[in-house]
N, C-alpha and C. Protein backbone atom coordinates (compact mmCIF):
# COMPACT_ATOMS: atom_id res chain seq x y z
N MET A 1 206.91 14.75 13.69
CA MET A 1 207.93 14.62 14.26
C MET A 1 208.14 13.41 13.76
N PRO A 2 209.85 13.12 13.68
CA PRO A 2 210.08 12.18 13.79
C PRO A 2 210.78 10.90 15.11
N VAL A 3 210.17 10.13 14.64
CA VAL A 3 210.22 9.12 16.01
C VAL A 3 211.88 8.55 16.07
N ILE A 4 212.74 8.95 17.64
CA ILE A 4 214.15 9.12 17.56
C ILE A 4 213.86 7.23 18.42
N ILE A 5 214.59 6.57 17.75
CA ILE A 5 215.02 5.24 18.64
C ILE A 5 215.88 4.40 18.95
N PRO A 6 216.34 3.92 20.54
CA PRO A 6 218.01 4.14 20.62
C PRO A 6 218.16 2.88 19.39
N PHE A 7 219.49 3.10 19.45
CA PHE A 7 220.30 2.50 18.75
C PHE A 7 220.12 0.87 18.92
N PHE A 8 220.42 0.57 20.49
CA PHE A 8 220.19 -0.87 20.83
C PHE A 8 218.97 -1.34 20.46
N VAL A 9 217.67 -0.92 20.32
CA VAL A 9 216.86 -1.33 20.19
C VAL A 9 216.59 -2.38 19.12
N PRO A 10 216.44 -3.71 19.14
CA PRO A 10 216.13 -3.95 17.82
C PRO A 10 214.98 -3.74 16.72
N LEU A 11 215.24 -4.02 15.30
CA LEU A 11 213.92 -3.23 14.32
C LEU A 11 212.69 -3.94 14.44
N GLN A 12 213.03 -5.11 14.96
CA GLN A 12 211.73 -5.97 15.36
C GLN A 12 210.33 -5.40 15.89
N THR A 13 211.29 -4.16 16.97
CA THR A 13 210.23 -3.64 18.19
C THR A 13 209.77 -1.92 17.38
N ILE A 14 210.53 -1.50 16.41
CA ILE A 14 210.20 -0.63 16.22
C ILE A 14 208.69 -0.20 16.47
N SER A 15 207.62 -0.95 15.55
CA SER A 15 206.41 -1.00 15.56
C SER A 15 205.61 -0.26 16.83
N ILE A 16 206.46 -1.00 17.99
CA ILE A 16 205.80 -0.14 19.65
C ILE A 16 206.49 1.11 19.63
N TYR A 17 207.08 2.05 18.70
CA TYR A 17 207.41 2.88 19.15
C TYR A 17 207.09 4.06 18.49
N ARG A 18 205.80 3.67 17.59
CA ARG A 18 205.60 4.07 16.41
C ARG A 18 203.92 5.13 17.16
N ASN A 19 204.32 6.52 16.87
CA ASN A 19 203.00 6.71 17.32
C ASN A 19 201.28 6.91 16.90
N ASN A 20 201.39 5.91 15.97
CA ASN A 20 199.86 5.59 15.11
C ASN A 20 199.14 6.63 15.03
N MET A 21 199.76 7.83 14.21
CA MET A 21 199.24 9.06 13.96
C MET A 21 199.05 9.30 12.36
N ALA A 22 198.55 10.04 12.23
CA ALA A 22 198.27 9.99 10.39
C ALA A 22 199.96 9.81 9.93
N SER A 23 199.72 9.98 8.78
CA SER A 23 201.34 10.98 7.89
C SER A 23 201.70 11.96 7.61
N ASN A 24 201.96 12.84 7.68
CA ASN A 24 202.43 14.60 7.36
C ASN A 24 202.30 14.23 5.58
N SER A 25 201.33 15.19 5.43
CA SER A 25 201.02 15.65 3.84
C SER A 25 202.31 15.40 3.42
N ASP A 26 203.28 16.38 3.67
CA ASP A 26 204.20 16.74 3.34
C ASP A 26 205.33 15.62 3.13
N PHE A 27 205.57 14.44 3.67
CA PHE A 27 205.87 13.18 3.48
C PHE A 27 205.41 12.86 2.75
N VAL A 28 204.36 11.83 2.73
CA VAL A 28 203.59 11.64 1.54
C VAL A 28 203.63 12.43 0.56
N GLN A 29 203.50 13.11 -0.26
CA GLN A 29 203.94 14.29 -1.37
C GLN A 29 205.63 13.94 -1.50
N TYR A 30 206.54 13.46 -0.45
CA TYR A 30 208.18 13.56 -1.03
C TYR A 30 208.09 12.16 -1.47
N ILE A 31 207.55 11.28 -0.44
CA ILE A 31 207.94 9.29 -1.27
C ILE A 31 207.25 9.22 -2.56
N ALA A 32 206.31 10.11 -2.97
CA ALA A 32 205.57 9.90 -3.95
C ALA A 32 206.37 10.55 -5.45
N ASP A 33 207.10 12.02 -4.98
CA ASP A 33 207.64 12.92 -5.76
C ASP A 33 209.32 11.74 -6.26
N GLN A 34 210.14 10.98 -4.81
CA GLN A 34 210.94 10.32 -5.24
C GLN A 34 210.82 8.95 -5.54
N CYS A 35 209.74 8.84 -5.91
CA CYS A 35 209.36 7.14 -6.90
C CYS A 35 208.85 7.61 -8.35
N ALA A 36 208.98 8.93 -8.90
CA ALA A 36 208.04 9.15 -9.58
C ALA A 36 208.77 8.65 -11.05
N GLY A 37 210.12 8.38 -10.87
CA GLY A 37 211.21 8.05 -11.94
C GLY A 37 210.29 6.58 -12.56
N ALA A 38 209.56 5.47 -11.75
CA ALA A 38 209.13 4.09 -11.87
C ALA A 38 207.91 4.00 -12.50
N GLY A 39 207.18 5.96 -12.77
CA GLY A 39 205.87 5.34 -13.52
C GLY A 39 205.25 6.44 -12.84
N GLU A 40 204.16 6.39 -12.78
CA GLU A 40 202.92 7.43 -12.77
C GLU A 40 202.42 7.07 -11.53
N MET A 41 202.96 7.89 -10.19
CA MET A 41 202.52 7.74 -8.92
C MET A 41 200.99 8.17 -7.99
N MET A 42 200.71 7.56 -7.97
CA MET A 42 199.43 8.48 -7.00
C MET A 42 199.36 7.70 -5.49
N VAL A 43 198.74 8.56 -4.61
CA VAL A 43 198.53 8.27 -3.17
C VAL A 43 197.02 8.22 -3.37
N LYS A 44 196.69 7.45 -2.16
CA LYS A 44 195.09 7.49 -1.98
C LYS A 44 194.87 7.15 -0.15
N LYS A 45 194.22 7.80 0.64
CA LYS A 45 194.79 8.14 1.82
C LYS A 45 193.60 6.81 2.36
N MET A 46 193.79 6.00 3.26
CA MET A 46 193.17 4.37 3.63
C MET A 46 193.78 4.46 5.09
N PHE A 47 192.25 4.68 5.73
CA PHE A 47 192.67 4.01 7.27
C PHE A 47 193.21 5.09 7.88
N GLY A 48 193.28 6.58 7.22
CA GLY A 48 194.20 7.37 8.36
C GLY A 48 195.56 7.86 7.64
N ASP A 49 196.20 6.90 7.19
CA ASP A 49 197.49 6.63 6.36
C ASP A 49 197.24 6.74 4.71
N TYR A 50 198.35 6.32 3.96
CA TYR A 50 198.03 6.61 2.76
C TYR A 50 198.86 5.10 1.83
N GLY A 51 197.70 4.56 0.52
CA GLY A 51 198.39 3.63 -0.03
C GLY A 51 199.15 3.98 -1.40
N ILE A 52 200.24 3.86 -1.87
CA ILE A 52 200.90 4.52 -2.91
C ILE A 52 200.94 3.20 -3.87
N TYR A 53 200.46 4.01 -4.89
CA TYR A 53 200.45 3.25 -6.13
C TYR A 53 201.40 3.83 -7.37
N CYS A 54 201.68 2.21 -7.75
CA CYS A 54 202.41 2.80 -9.38
C CYS A 54 202.18 2.44 -10.18
N ASN A 55 201.26 3.02 -11.41
CA ASN A 55 200.79 2.38 -12.96
C ASN A 55 199.75 1.86 -12.49
N GLY A 56 198.88 2.42 -11.52
CA GLY A 56 197.17 1.79 -11.48
C GLY A 56 198.08 0.31 -9.92
N LYS A 57 198.73 0.25 -9.64
CA LYS A 57 199.40 -1.04 -9.20
C LYS A 57 199.59 -0.59 -7.24
N ILE A 58 198.98 -0.81 -6.73
CA ILE A 58 199.15 -0.28 -5.02
C ILE A 58 200.53 -1.43 -4.89
N ILE A 59 201.65 -0.46 -4.58
CA ILE A 59 202.97 -0.89 -4.04
C ILE A 59 203.44 -1.17 -2.82
N GLY A 60 202.42 0.08 -1.88
CA GLY A 60 202.91 -0.31 -0.51
C GLY A 60 201.89 0.82 0.37
N LEU A 61 202.43 1.09 1.24
CA LEU A 61 201.82 2.28 2.12
C LEU A 61 202.38 3.38 3.10
N ILE A 62 202.35 4.07 3.11
CA ILE A 62 202.83 5.41 3.86
C ILE A 62 201.99 5.32 5.39
N CYS A 63 202.72 4.41 6.08
CA CYS A 63 201.98 4.92 7.89
C CYS A 63 203.53 5.50 8.86
N ASP A 64 202.73 6.16 9.68
CA ASP A 64 203.23 7.08 10.39
C ASP A 64 204.47 7.85 10.01
N ASP A 65 204.60 8.30 8.85
CA ASP A 65 205.54 8.89 8.56
C ASP A 65 207.34 7.82 7.81
N SER A 66 206.83 6.83 7.51
CA SER A 66 207.18 5.48 7.08
C SER A 66 207.15 5.22 5.92
N PHE A 67 208.15 4.29 4.78
CA PHE A 67 207.50 3.93 3.95
C PHE A 67 207.72 2.60 3.59
N PHE A 68 206.76 1.80 3.20
CA PHE A 68 206.97 0.33 3.43
C PHE A 68 206.30 -0.04 1.65
N LEU A 69 207.43 -0.73 1.23
CA LEU A 69 206.73 -1.74 -0.14
C LEU A 69 206.26 -2.99 0.24
N LYS A 70 205.79 -3.23 -0.70
CA LYS A 70 205.14 -4.72 -0.63
C LYS A 70 205.91 -5.69 -0.88
N PRO A 71 206.24 -6.92 -0.33
CA PRO A 71 207.33 -7.49 -0.82
C PRO A 71 207.34 -8.60 -1.71
N THR A 72 208.80 -8.57 -2.72
CA THR A 72 208.62 -9.35 -3.78
C THR A 72 209.89 -9.79 -4.06
N GLU A 73 209.92 -11.13 -4.42
CA GLU A 73 211.44 -11.71 -4.86
C GLU A 73 212.04 -10.74 -5.77
N ALA A 74 211.69 -10.28 -6.62
CA ALA A 74 212.46 -9.38 -7.92
C ALA A 74 213.42 -8.01 -6.82
N ALA A 75 212.14 -7.62 -5.83
CA ALA A 75 212.90 -6.02 -5.41
C ALA A 75 213.78 -6.43 -4.25
N ARG A 76 214.00 -7.51 -3.63
CA ARG A 76 214.51 -8.13 -2.46
C ARG A 76 216.40 -7.92 -2.85
N PRO A 77 216.74 -8.65 -3.67
CA PRO A 77 218.30 -8.32 -4.35
C PRO A 77 218.73 -6.65 -4.17
N LEU A 78 217.58 -6.02 -4.59
CA LEU A 78 217.96 -4.91 -4.37
C LEU A 78 217.93 -4.20 -3.66
N LEU A 79 217.57 -4.41 -2.42
CA LEU A 79 217.29 -3.86 -1.04
C LEU A 79 218.76 -3.56 -0.57
N ARG A 80 219.04 -2.34 0.28
CA ARG A 80 220.63 -2.56 0.87
C ARG A 80 220.24 -2.80 2.49
N THR A 81 219.55 -2.98 2.81
CA THR A 81 219.30 -4.48 4.07
C THR A 81 217.37 -4.53 3.94
N VAL A 82 217.49 -6.02 4.55
CA VAL A 82 216.03 -6.25 4.33
C VAL A 82 215.54 -6.42 5.43
N ASP A 83 214.34 -5.30 5.74
CA ASP A 83 214.01 -4.98 7.01
C ASP A 83 212.27 -5.55 6.58
N LEU A 84 211.73 -6.62 7.27
CA LEU A 84 210.67 -7.21 6.98
C LEU A 84 209.76 -6.34 8.33
N LEU A 85 208.88 -5.52 8.01
CA LEU A 85 207.73 -4.71 9.26
C LEU A 85 206.34 -5.12 8.89
N PRO A 86 205.62 -4.87 10.01
CA PRO A 86 203.96 -4.71 9.52
C PRO A 86 204.02 -3.00 9.60
N PRO A 87 203.55 -2.63 8.65
CA PRO A 87 203.30 -0.94 9.10
C PRO A 87 202.37 -0.79 9.82
N TYR A 88 201.92 -1.50 10.57
CA TYR A 88 200.56 -1.12 11.37
C TYR A 88 199.82 -2.58 12.56
N ASP A 89 199.69 -2.15 13.22
CA ASP A 89 199.09 -3.58 13.89
C ASP A 89 198.59 -4.48 13.50
N GLY A 90 198.73 -6.03 13.43
CA GLY A 90 198.03 -6.93 12.98
C GLY A 90 198.26 -6.87 11.11
N ALA A 91 199.19 -5.93 10.25
CA ALA A 91 199.17 -6.31 8.88
C ALA A 91 200.10 -7.05 8.61
N LYS A 92 200.43 -7.58 7.78
CA LYS A 92 201.70 -8.61 7.02
C LYS A 92 202.88 -8.01 6.93
N ASP A 93 203.79 -7.95 7.15
CA ASP A 93 205.35 -7.96 7.00
C ASP A 93 204.99 -7.14 5.40
N TYR A 94 206.01 -6.03 5.49
CA TYR A 94 206.08 -5.43 4.07
C TYR A 94 208.06 -4.78 4.44
N PHE A 95 208.50 -4.59 3.01
CA PHE A 95 209.88 -4.43 3.29
C PHE A 95 209.77 -2.67 3.57
N TYR A 96 210.34 -2.32 4.84
CA TYR A 96 210.76 -1.25 5.32
C TYR A 96 212.10 -0.71 4.93
N ILE A 97 211.02 0.47 3.90
CA ILE A 97 212.53 1.48 3.06
C ILE A 97 212.83 2.47 4.40
N ALA A 98 213.98 2.77 5.08
CA ALA A 98 214.59 3.36 5.58
C ALA A 98 215.18 4.89 5.14
N ASP A 99 216.04 4.56 3.70
CA ASP A 99 216.54 5.23 2.93
C ASP A 99 215.63 5.53 2.05
N VAL A 100 214.86 7.01 2.24
CA VAL A 100 213.45 7.72 1.48
C VAL A 100 214.42 8.68 0.56
N ASP A 101 215.88 9.09 0.64
CA ASP A 101 216.25 10.42 0.37
C ASP A 101 216.96 10.05 -1.51
N ASP A 102 217.37 8.48 -1.85
CA ASP A 102 218.03 8.59 -2.69
C ASP A 102 217.00 8.22 -3.83
N ARG A 103 216.23 9.43 -4.57
CA ARG A 103 215.61 8.81 -5.77
C ARG A 103 215.96 7.79 -6.46
N ASP A 104 217.06 7.72 -7.35
CA ASP A 104 217.08 6.44 -8.62
C ASP A 104 217.20 5.13 -7.57
N TYR A 105 217.65 4.97 -6.11
CA TYR A 105 217.12 3.75 -5.40
C TYR A 105 215.53 3.43 -5.35
N LEU A 106 214.86 4.43 -4.94
CA LEU A 106 213.52 4.29 -4.64
C LEU A 106 212.95 3.84 -6.20
N SER A 107 213.15 5.10 -7.19
CA SER A 107 212.21 4.87 -8.15
C SER A 107 212.67 3.06 -9.19
N GLU A 108 214.21 2.87 -8.87
CA GLU A 108 214.10 1.30 -9.10
C GLU A 108 213.65 0.48 -7.98
N LEU A 109 213.37 0.54 -6.79
CA LEU A 109 212.19 -0.75 -5.96
C LEU A 109 211.31 -0.34 -6.56
N VAL A 110 210.51 0.63 -6.83
CA VAL A 110 209.22 0.67 -7.24
C VAL A 110 209.05 0.13 -8.40
N ARG A 111 209.82 0.43 -9.46
CA ARG A 111 209.69 0.01 -10.60
C ARG A 111 209.60 -1.61 -10.67
N VAL A 112 210.60 -1.97 -10.06
CA VAL A 112 210.71 -3.91 -10.19
C VAL A 112 209.72 -4.41 -9.04
N THR A 113 209.19 -3.72 -8.31
CA THR A 113 208.20 -4.32 -6.91
C THR A 113 206.35 -4.08 -8.28
N CYS A 114 206.63 -3.04 -9.12
CA CYS A 114 205.30 -2.99 -9.95
C CYS A 114 205.33 -3.60 -10.47
N HIS A 115 205.99 -4.23 -11.54
CA HIS A 115 206.30 -5.05 -12.57
C HIS A 115 205.85 -6.75 -11.83
N ALA A 116 207.09 -6.96 -10.97
CA ALA A 116 206.72 -8.01 -10.17
C ALA A 116 204.87 -8.55 -9.99
N LEU A 117 204.41 -7.25 -9.79
CA LEU A 117 203.12 -7.62 -8.59
C LEU A 117 202.19 -7.64 -10.34
N PRO A 118 200.91 -8.82 -9.31
CA PRO A 118 199.85 -8.88 -10.99
C PRO A 118 199.17 -7.35 -10.71
N GLU A 119 198.38 -7.68 -12.12
CA GLU A 119 197.69 -6.63 -12.73
C GLU A 119 196.48 -6.65 -11.48
N PRO A 120 195.55 -5.27 -11.46
CA PRO A 120 194.95 -5.66 -10.21
C PRO A 120 193.41 -6.03 -10.78
N LYS A 121 192.90 -6.53 -10.40
CA LYS A 121 191.74 -6.77 -10.70
C LYS A 121 190.47 -6.49 -11.10
N ALA A 122 189.85 -6.68 -12.41
CA ALA A 122 189.05 -5.79 -13.03
C ALA A 122 187.83 -5.71 -12.17
N LYS A 123 187.70 -4.12 -12.07
CA LYS A 123 186.18 -3.90 -10.48
C LYS A 123 184.79 -4.70 -11.45
N LYS A 124 183.89 -4.82 -10.71
CA LYS A 124 182.79 -5.18 -11.23
C LYS A 124 182.01 -4.11 -11.10
N GLY A 125 181.22 -3.71 -12.66
CA GLY A 125 180.66 -2.47 -12.82
C GLY A 125 178.97 -2.83 -12.56
N LYS A 126 178.41 -1.90 -11.57
CA LYS A 126 176.75 -2.20 -11.31
C LYS A 126 176.15 -1.71 -12.44
N SER A 127 175.55 -3.47 -12.33
CA SER A 127 174.99 -3.51 -13.23
C SER A 127 173.87 -2.36 -13.69
N LYS A 128 173.07 -2.81 -14.93
CA LYS A 128 172.25 -1.35 -15.01
C LYS A 128 170.41 -2.58 -15.29
N LYS A 129 169.84 -1.48 -14.29
CA LYS A 129 168.69 -2.09 -14.34
C LYS A 129 167.82 -1.87 -15.39
N GLN A 130 167.47 -3.31 -16.14
CA GLN A 130 166.63 -3.59 -17.58
C GLN A 130 165.42 -2.44 -17.28
N GLY A 131 164.82 -1.88 -18.25
CA GLY A 131 163.50 -1.23 -18.40
C GLY A 131 162.56 -2.60 -17.79
N LYS A 132 161.69 -1.94 -17.57
CA LYS A 132 160.18 -3.05 -16.85
C LYS A 132 159.72 -3.62 -18.36
N GLN A 133 159.42 -4.76 -17.63
CA GLN A 133 159.08 -5.53 -19.01
C GLN A 133 157.52 -5.65 -18.56
N GLY A 134 156.81 -5.87 -19.47
CA GLY A 134 155.08 -5.90 -18.75
C GLY A 134 154.34 -5.87 -19.88
């Protein structure tokens, strides 16, 4: 269910109106589909909401049926409005992307963001136990 916010409420206070419920799986899939022009998209459930990845890099979060993109200087000039909000209480600010219905716009934002972000750190593999010496 969308959250209805009175038009006079400053955008910075939107987080107090969120219902802190997990995102609807249909909305999550919709965002992934809308961003698909940027590369290989994947979502992972994280702490009750979702992380969204492009080509193996986490590029944003989907929380309470809202899309938040990691802030980069490369994506900033492409934004129709620059709204920096935390996706959940205690989080750093992300770009809040309200216009999720324009597939070309979202794909370009995600493509530019993905390109600007560093490669993920390689995970350390579990060391194999050596045979018994004796």
